[in-house]
Amino acid sequence: KEVVKLLGFWVSQSSMRVEWALRLKGVE
């Protein structure tokens, strides 16, 4: 239940991978 934050860059493929994974798992 700990707070999750992500530092990314809008066009970064690497950042997008992490966002996809978090969203697939339903992690806020």
PDB file of all heavy atoms in Angstrom:
ATOM      1  N   LYS A   1       0.822  -1.218   0.000  1.00  0.00           N
ATOM      2  CA  LYS A   1       0.000   0.000   0.000  1.00  0.00           C
ATOM      3  C   LYS A   1       0.850   1.259   0.000  1.00  0.00           C
ATOM      4  O   LYS A   1       0.332   2.367   0.124  1.00  0.00           O
ATOM      5  CB  LYS A   1      -0.918  -0.007   1.238  1.00  0.00           C
ATOM      6  CG  LYS A   1      -1.904  -1.169   1.284  1.00  0.00           C
ATOM      7  CD  LYS A   1      -2.900  -1.107   0.140  1.00  0.00           C
ATOM      8  CE  LYS A   1      -3.926  -2.231   0.257  1.00  0.00           C
ATOM      9  NZ  LYS A   1      -4.894  -2.209  -0.880  1.00  0.00           N
ATOM     10  N   GLU A   2       2.157   1.110  -0.115  1.00  0.00           N
ATOM     11  CA  GLU A   2       3.039   2.270  -0.115  1.00  0.00           C
ATOM     12  C   GLU A   2       2.825   3.106  -1.375  1.00  0.00           C
ATOM     13  O   GLU A   2       2.448   2.586  -2.432  1.00  0.00           O
ATOM     14  CB  GLU A   2       4.499   1.825  -0.030  1.00  0.00           C
ATOM     15  CG  GLU A   2       4.861   1.154   1.292  1.00  0.00           C
ATOM     16  CD  GLU A   2       6.283   0.660   1.300  1.00  0.00           C
ATOM     17  OE1 GLU A   2       6.571  -0.303   0.582  1.00  0.00           O
ATOM     18  OE2 GLU A   2       7.113   1.249   2.035  1.00  0.00           O
ATOM     19  N   VAL A   3       3.079   4.401  -1.270  1.00  0.00           N
ATOM     20  CA  VAL A   3       2.898   5.321  -2.386  1.00  0.00           C
ATOM     21  C   VAL A   3       3.873   4.981  -3.515  1.00  0.00           C
ATOM     22  O   VAL A   3       5.047   4.686  -3.273  1.00  0.00           O
ATOM     23  CB  VAL A   3       3.114   6.778  -1.920  1.00  0.00           C
ATOM     24  CG1 VAL A   3       3.098   7.735  -3.109  1.00  0.00           C
ATOM     25  CG2 VAL A   3       2.044   7.167  -0.910  1.00  0.00           C
ATOM     26  N   VAL A   4       3.354   5.021  -4.743  1.00  0.00           N
ATOM     27  CA  VAL A   4       4.162   4.709  -5.924  1.00  0.00           C
ATOM     28  C   VAL A   4       4.272   5.950  -6.795  1.00  0.00           C
ATOM     29  O   VAL A   4       3.262   6.584  -7.118  1.00  0.00           O
ATOM     30  CB  VAL A   4       3.537   3.559  -6.745  1.00  0.00           C
ATOM     31  CG1 VAL A   4       4.387   3.269  -7.986  1.00  0.00           C
ATOM     32  CG2 VAL A   4       3.391   2.315  -5.892  1.00  0.00           C
ATOM     33  N   LYS A   5       5.507   6.300  -7.168  1.00  0.00           N
ATOM     34  CA  LYS A   5       5.749   7.429  -8.060  1.00  0.00           C
ATOM     35  C   LYS A   5       6.667   6.975  -9.188  1.00  0.00           C
ATOM     36  O   LYS A   5       7.501   6.091  -8.997  1.00  0.00           O
ATOM     37  CB  LYS A   5       6.385   8.608  -7.312  1.00  0.00           C
ATOM     38  CG  LYS A   5       5.519   9.181  -6.192  1.00  0.00           C
ATOM     39  CD  LYS A   5       6.215  10.350  -5.509  1.00  0.00           C
ATOM     40  CE  LYS A   5       5.372  10.912  -4.373  1.00  0.00           C
ATOM     41  NZ  LYS A   5       6.036  12.057  -3.707  1.00  0.00           N
ATOM     42  N   LEU A   6       6.494   7.606 -10.338  1.00  0.00           N
ATOM     43  CA  LEU A   6       7.328   7.267 -11.491  1.00  0.00           C
ATOM     44  C   LEU A   6       7.848   8.529 -12.149  1.00  0.00           C
ATOM     45  O   LEU A   6       7.070   9.397 -12.548  1.00  0.00           O
ATOM     46  CB  LEU A   6       6.530   6.456 -12.515  1.00  0.00           C
ATOM     47  CG  LEU A   6       7.230   6.176 -13.852  1.00  0.00           C
ATOM     48  CD1 LEU A   6       8.458   5.294 -13.641  1.00  0.00           C
ATOM     49  CD2 LEU A   6       6.270   5.551 -14.853  1.00  0.00           C
ATOM     50  N   LEU A   7       9.167   8.631 -12.239  1.00  0.00           N
ATOM     51  CA  LEU A   7       9.788   9.705 -13.007  1.00  0.00           C
ATOM     52  C   LEU A   7      10.002   9.199 -14.422  1.00  0.00           C
ATOM     53  O   LEU A   7      10.631   8.154 -14.632  1.00  0.00           O
ATOM     54  CB  LEU A   7      11.147  10.100 -12.404  1.00  0.00           C
ATOM     55  CG  LEU A   7      11.155  11.124 -11.255  1.00  0.00           C
ATOM     56  CD1 LEU A   7      10.505  10.534 -10.002  1.00  0.00           C
ATOM     57  CD2 LEU A   7      12.584  11.558 -10.943  1.00  0.00           C
ATOM     58  N   GLY A   8       9.451   9.918 -15.402  1.00  0.00           N
ATOM     59  CA  GLY A   8       9.560   9.485 -16.781  1.00  0.00           C
ATOM     60  C   GLY A   8       9.666  10.648 -17.737  1.00  0.00           C
ATOM     61  O   GLY A   8       9.677  11.815 -17.329  1.00  0.00           O
ATOM     62  N   PHE A   9       9.741  10.310 -18.994  1.00  0.00           N
ATOM     63  CA  PHE A   9       9.807  11.296 -20.074  1.00  0.00           C
ATOM     64  C   PHE A   9       8.772  10.886 -21.112  1.00  0.00           C
ATOM     65  O   PHE A   9       8.695   9.707 -21.468  1.00  0.00           O
ATOM     66  CB  PHE A   9      11.217  11.327 -20.671  1.00  0.00           C
ATOM     67  CG  PHE A   9      11.412  12.310 -21.790  1.00  0.00           C
ATOM     68  CD1 PHE A   9      11.109  13.648 -21.615  1.00  0.00           C
ATOM     69  CD2 PHE A   9      11.916  11.903 -23.025  1.00  0.00           C
ATOM     70  CE1 PHE A   9      11.297  14.571 -22.642  1.00  0.00           C
ATOM     71  CE2 PHE A   9      12.112  12.803 -24.054  1.00  0.00           C
ATOM     72  CZ  PHE A   9      11.798  14.146 -23.862  1.00  0.00           C
ATOM     73  N   TRP A  10       7.981  11.803 -21.602  1.00  0.00           N
ATOM     74  CA  TRP A  10       6.769  11.507 -22.353  1.00  0.00           C
ATOM     75  C   TRP A  10       6.979  10.579 -23.554  1.00  0.00           C
ATOM     76  O   TRP A  10       6.117   9.780 -23.899  1.00  0.00           O
ATOM     77  CB  TRP A  10       6.101  12.811 -22.816  1.00  0.00           C
ATOM     78  CG  TRP A  10       6.883  13.547 -23.887  1.00  0.00           C
ATOM     79  CD1 TRP A  10       7.897  14.441 -23.679  1.00  0.00           C
ATOM     80  CD2 TRP A  10       6.730  13.439 -25.290  1.00  0.00           C
ATOM     81  NE1 TRP A  10       8.383  14.902 -24.873  1.00  0.00           N
ATOM     82  CE2 TRP A  10       7.676  14.310 -25.895  1.00  0.00           C
ATOM     83  CE3 TRP A  10       5.876  12.713 -26.131  1.00  0.00           C
ATOM     84  CZ2 TRP A  10       7.801  14.462 -27.274  1.00  0.00           C
ATOM     85  CZ3 TRP A  10       5.997  12.850 -27.504  1.00  0.00           C
ATOM     86  CH2 TRP A  10       6.933  13.717 -28.070  1.00  0.00           C
ATOM     87  N   VAL A  11       8.153  10.654 -24.200  1.00  0.00           N
ATOM     88  CA  VAL A  11       8.377   9.867 -25.411  1.00  0.00           C
ATOM     89  C   VAL A  11       9.310   8.668 -25.153  1.00  0.00           C
ATOM     90  O   VAL A  11       9.613   7.919 -26.072  1.00  0.00           O
ATOM     91  CB  VAL A  11       8.945  10.772 -26.533  1.00  0.00           C
ATOM     92  CG1 VAL A  11      10.432  11.048 -26.298  1.00  0.00           C
ATOM     93  CG2 VAL A  11       8.703  10.183 -27.915  1.00  0.00           C
ATOM     94  N   SER A  12       9.715   8.481 -23.914  1.00  0.00           N
ATOM     95  CA  SER A  12      10.650   7.409 -23.567  1.00  0.00           C
ATOM     96  C   SER A  12       9.973   6.039 -23.622  1.00  0.00           C
ATOM     97  O   SER A  12       9.002   5.790 -22.917  1.00  0.00           O
ATOM     98  CB  SER A  12      11.215   7.644 -22.158  1.00  0.00           C
ATOM     99  OG  SER A  12      11.831   6.487 -21.657  1.00  0.00           O
ATOM    100  N   GLN A  13      10.537   5.149 -24.445  1.00  0.00           N
ATOM    101  CA  GLN A  13      10.008   3.793 -24.516  1.00  0.00           C
ATOM    102  C   GLN A  13      10.143   3.091 -23.169  1.00  0.00           C
ATOM    103  O   GLN A  13       9.257   2.349 -22.745  1.00  0.00           O
ATOM    104  CB  GLN A  13      10.746   2.962 -25.569  1.00  0.00           C
ATOM    105  CG  GLN A  13      10.874   3.602 -26.927  1.00  0.00           C
ATOM    106  CD  GLN A  13      12.225   4.261 -27.117  1.00  0.00           C
ATOM    107  OE1 GLN A  13      12.485   5.302 -26.556  1.00  0.00           O
ATOM    108  NE2 GLN A  13      13.095   3.647 -27.917  1.00  0.00           N
ATOM    109  N   SER A  14      11.266   3.319 -22.498  1.00  0.00           N
ATOM    110  CA  SER A  14      11.522   2.668 -21.213  1.00  0.00           C
ATOM    111  C   SER A  14      10.517   3.109 -20.156  1.00  0.00           C
ATOM    112  O   SER A  14      10.016   2.296 -19.371  1.00  0.00           O
ATOM    113  CB  SER A  14      12.950   2.973 -20.744  1.00  0.00           C
ATOM    114  OG  SER A  14      13.897   2.480 -21.668  1.00  0.00           O
ATOM    115  N   SER A  15      10.213   4.410 -20.133  1.00  0.00           N
ATOM    116  CA  SER A  15       9.219   4.912 -19.183  1.00  0.00           C
ATOM    117  C   SER A  15       7.840   4.330 -19.481  1.00  0.00           C
ATOM    118  O   SER A  15       7.092   3.958 -18.572  1.00  0.00           O
ATOM    119  CB  SER A  15       9.148   6.444 -19.250  1.00  0.00           C
ATOM    120  OG  SER A  15      10.372   7.024 -18.882  1.00  0.00           O
ATOM    121  N   MET A  16       7.517   4.242 -20.769  1.00  0.00           N
ATOM    122  CA  MET A  16       6.206   3.744 -21.152  1.00  0.00           C
ATOM    123  C   MET A  16       6.020   2.288 -20.761  1.00  0.00           C
ATOM    124  O   MET A  16       4.934   1.867 -20.356  1.00  0.00           O
ATOM    125  CB  MET A  16       6.010   3.922 -22.656  1.00  0.00           C
ATOM    126  CG  MET A  16       4.560   3.783 -23.121  1.00  0.00           C
ATOM    127  SD  MET A  16       3.451   4.985 -22.347  1.00  0.00           S
ATOM    128  CE  MET A  16       4.116   6.526 -22.970  1.00  0.00           C
ATOM    129  N   ARG A  17       7.083   1.502 -20.868  1.00  0.00           N
ATOM    130  CA  ARG A  17       7.002   0.103 -20.443  1.00  0.00           C
ATOM    131  C   ARG A  17       6.555  -0.007 -18.988  1.00  0.00           C
ATOM    132  O   ARG A  17       5.723  -0.843 -18.635  1.00  0.00           O
ATOM    133  CB  ARG A  17       8.373  -0.569 -20.593  1.00  0.00           C
ATOM    134  CG  ARG A  17       8.811  -0.823 -22.004  1.00  0.00           C
ATOM    135  CD  ARG A  17      10.279  -1.219 -22.027  1.00  0.00           C
ATOM    136  NE  ARG A  17      10.767  -1.452 -23.385  1.00  0.00           N
ATOM    137  CZ  ARG A  17      12.024  -1.380 -23.750  1.00  0.00           C
ATOM    138  NH1 ARG A  17      12.949  -1.065 -22.848  1.00  0.00           N
ATOM    139  NH2 ARG A  17      12.392  -1.618 -24.995  1.00  0.00           N
ATOM    140  N   VAL A  18       7.133   0.836 -18.139  1.00  0.00           N
ATOM    141  CA  VAL A  18       6.805   0.797 -16.716  1.00  0.00           C
ATOM    142  C   VAL A  18       5.350   1.209 -16.494  1.00  0.00           C
ATOM    143  O   VAL A  18       4.627   0.587 -15.706  1.00  0.00           O
ATOM    144  CB  VAL A  18       7.756   1.705 -15.916  1.00  0.00           C
ATOM    145  CG1 VAL A  18       7.367   1.731 -14.445  1.00  0.00           C
ATOM    146  CG2 VAL A  18       9.199   1.237 -16.075  1.00  0.00           C
ATOM    147  N   GLU A  19       4.904   2.234 -17.204  1.00  0.00           N
ATOM    148  CA  GLU A  19       3.508   2.661 -17.064  1.00  0.00           C
ATOM    149  C   GLU A  19       2.550   1.572 -17.519  1.00  0.00           C
ATOM    150  O   GLU A  19       1.517   1.330 -16.879  1.00  0.00           O
ATOM    151  CB  GLU A  19       3.270   3.951 -17.866  1.00  0.00           C
ATOM    152  CG  GLU A  19       3.949   5.176 -17.281  1.00  0.00           C
ATOM    153  CD  GLU A  19       3.250   6.465 -17.671  1.00  0.00           C
ATOM    154  OE1 GLU A  19       2.169   6.758 -17.128  1.00  0.00           O
ATOM    155  OE2 GLU A  19       3.799   7.173 -18.535  1.00  0.00           O
ATOM    156  N   TRP A  20       2.873   0.906 -18.623  1.00  0.00           N
ATOM    157  CA  TRP A  20       2.020  -0.193 -19.092  1.00  0.00           C
ATOM    158  C   TRP A  20       1.903  -1.279 -18.029  1.00  0.00           C
ATOM    159  O   TRP A  20       0.809  -1.782 -17.761  1.00  0.00           O
ATOM    160  CB  TRP A  20       2.600  -0.791 -20.377  1.00  0.00           C
ATOM    161  CG  TRP A  20       2.451   0.071 -21.591  1.00  0.00           C
ATOM    162  CD1 TRP A  20       1.531   1.061 -21.802  1.00  0.00           C
ATOM    163  CD2 TRP A  20       3.263   0.035 -22.768  1.00  0.00           C
ATOM    164  NE1 TRP A  20       1.722   1.651 -23.032  1.00  0.00           N
ATOM    165  CE2 TRP A  20       2.763   1.031 -23.641  1.00  0.00           C
ATOM    166  CE3 TRP A  20       4.348  -0.731 -23.169  1.00  0.00           C
ATOM    167  CZ2 TRP A  20       3.317   1.263 -24.905  1.00  0.00           C
ATOM    168  CZ3 TRP A  20       4.916  -0.507 -24.416  1.00  0.00           C
ATOM    169  CH2 TRP A  20       4.411   0.478 -25.268  1.00  0.00           C
ATOM    170  N   ALA A  21       3.026  -1.644 -17.432  1.00  0.00           N
ATOM    171  CA  ALA A  21       3.021  -2.698 -16.416  1.00  0.00           C
ATOM    172  C   ALA A  21       2.185  -2.300 -15.207  1.00  0.00           C
ATOM    173  O   ALA A  21       1.380  -3.098 -14.698  1.00  0.00           O
ATOM    174  CB  ALA A  21       4.455  -3.020 -15.985  1.00  0.00           C
ATOM    175  N   LEU A  22       2.357  -1.077 -14.734  1.00  0.00           N
ATOM    176  CA  LEU A  22       1.585  -0.602 -13.588  1.00  0.00           C
ATOM    177  C   LEU A  22       0.091  -0.591 -13.902  1.00  0.00           C
ATOM    178  O   LEU A  22      -0.743  -0.991 -13.074  1.00  0.00           O
ATOM    179  CB  LEU A  22       2.051   0.799 -13.177  1.00  0.00           C
ATOM    180  CG  LEU A  22       3.449   0.900 -12.563  1.00  0.00           C
ATOM    181  CD1 LEU A  22       3.874   2.362 -12.441  1.00  0.00           C
ATOM    182  CD2 LEU A  22       3.500   0.223 -11.197  1.00  0.00           C
ATOM    183  N   ARG A  23      -0.264  -0.168 -15.093  1.00  0.00           N
ATOM    184  CA  ARG A  23      -1.663  -0.094 -15.485  1.00  0.00           C
ATOM    185  C   ARG A  23      -2.275  -1.477 -15.667  1.00  0.00           C
ATOM    186  O   ARG A  23      -3.431  -1.706 -15.301  1.00  0.00           O
ATOM    187  CB  ARG A  23      -1.803   0.729 -16.774  1.00  0.00           C
ATOM    188  CG  ARG A  23      -1.623   2.219 -16.551  1.00  0.00           C
ATOM    189  CD  ARG A  23      -1.450   3.003 -17.839  1.00  0.00           C
ATOM    190  NE  ARG A  23      -1.390   4.425 -17.565  1.00  0.00           N
ATOM    191  CZ  ARG A  23      -2.425   5.252 -17.687  1.00  0.00           C
ATOM    192  NH1 ARG A  23      -3.594   4.815 -18.097  1.00  0.00           N
ATOM    193  NH2 ARG A  23      -2.286   6.544 -17.407  1.00  0.00           N
ATOM    194  N   LEU A  24      -1.517  -2.394 -16.237  1.00  0.00           N
ATOM    195  CA  LEU A  24      -2.021  -3.760 -16.393  1.00  0.00           C
ATOM    196  C   LEU A  24      -2.317  -4.396 -15.037  1.00  0.00           C
ATOM    197  O   LEU A  24      -3.264  -5.177 -14.905  1.00  0.00           O
ATOM    198  CB  LEU A  24      -1.003  -4.610 -17.155  1.00  0.00           C
ATOM    199  CG  LEU A  24      -0.919  -4.357 -18.667  1.00  0.00           C
ATOM    200  CD1 LEU A  24       0.347  -4.990 -19.236  1.00  0.00           C
ATOM    201  CD2 LEU A  24      -2.148  -4.892 -19.391  1.00  0.00           C
ATOM    202  N   LYS A  25      -1.529  -4.050 -14.043  1.00  0.00           N
ATOM    203  CA  LYS A  25      -1.722  -4.602 -12.714  1.00  0.00           C
ATOM    204  C   LYS A  25      -2.690  -3.781 -11.855  1.00  0.00           C
ATOM    205  O   LYS A  25      -3.003  -4.172 -10.734  1.00  0.00           O
ATOM    206  CB  LYS A  25      -0.365  -4.712 -11.999  1.00  0.00           C
ATOM    207  CG  LYS A  25       0.489  -5.876 -12.518  1.00  0.00           C
ATOM    208  CD  LYS A  25       1.797  -5.965 -11.782  1.00  0.00           C
ATOM    209  CE  LYS A  25       2.561  -7.224 -12.178  1.00  0.00           C
ATOM    210  NZ  LYS A  25       2.021  -8.455 -11.572  1.00  0.00           N
ATOM    211  N   GLY A  26      -3.136  -2.646 -12.388  1.00  0.00           N
ATOM    212  CA  GLY A  26      -4.078  -1.818 -11.643  1.00  0.00           C
ATOM    213  C   GLY A  26      -3.457  -1.093 -10.466  1.00  0.00           C
ATOM    214  O   GLY A  26      -4.135  -0.813  -9.471  1.00  0.00           O
ATOM    215  N   VAL A  27      -2.164  -0.784 -10.565  1.00  0.00           N
ATOM    216  CA  VAL A  27      -1.457  -0.093  -9.479  1.00  0.00           C
ATOM    217  C   VAL A  27      -1.570   1.415  -9.680  1.00  0.00           C
ATOM    218  O   VAL A  27      -1.223   1.934 -10.741  1.00  0.00           O
ATOM    219  CB  VAL A  27       0.033  -0.495  -9.443  1.00  0.00           C
ATOM    220  CG1 VAL A  27       0.776   0.275  -8.352  1.00  0.00           C
ATOM    221  CG2 VAL A  27       0.178  -1.995  -9.236  1.00  0.00           C
ATOM    222  N   GLU A  28      -2.050   2.104  -8.662  1.00  0.00           N
ATOM    223  CA  GLU A  28      -2.134   3.563  -8.737  1.00  0.00           C
ATOM    224  C   GLU A  28      -0.748   4.170  -8.528  1.00  0.00           C
ATOM    225  O   GLU A  28       0.007   3.714  -7.671  1.00  0.00           O
ATOM    226  CB  GLU A  28      -3.099   4.091  -7.674  1.00  0.00           C
ATOM    227  CG  GLU A  28      -4.555   3.695  -7.918  1.00  0.00           C
ATOM    228  CD  GLU A  28      -5.497   4.361  -6.932  1.00  0.00           C
ATOM    229  OE1 GLU A  28      -5.030   5.203  -6.130  1.00  0.00           O
ATOM    230  OE2 GLU A  28      -6.699   4.038  -6.966  1.00  0.00           O
TER     231      GLU A  28
END
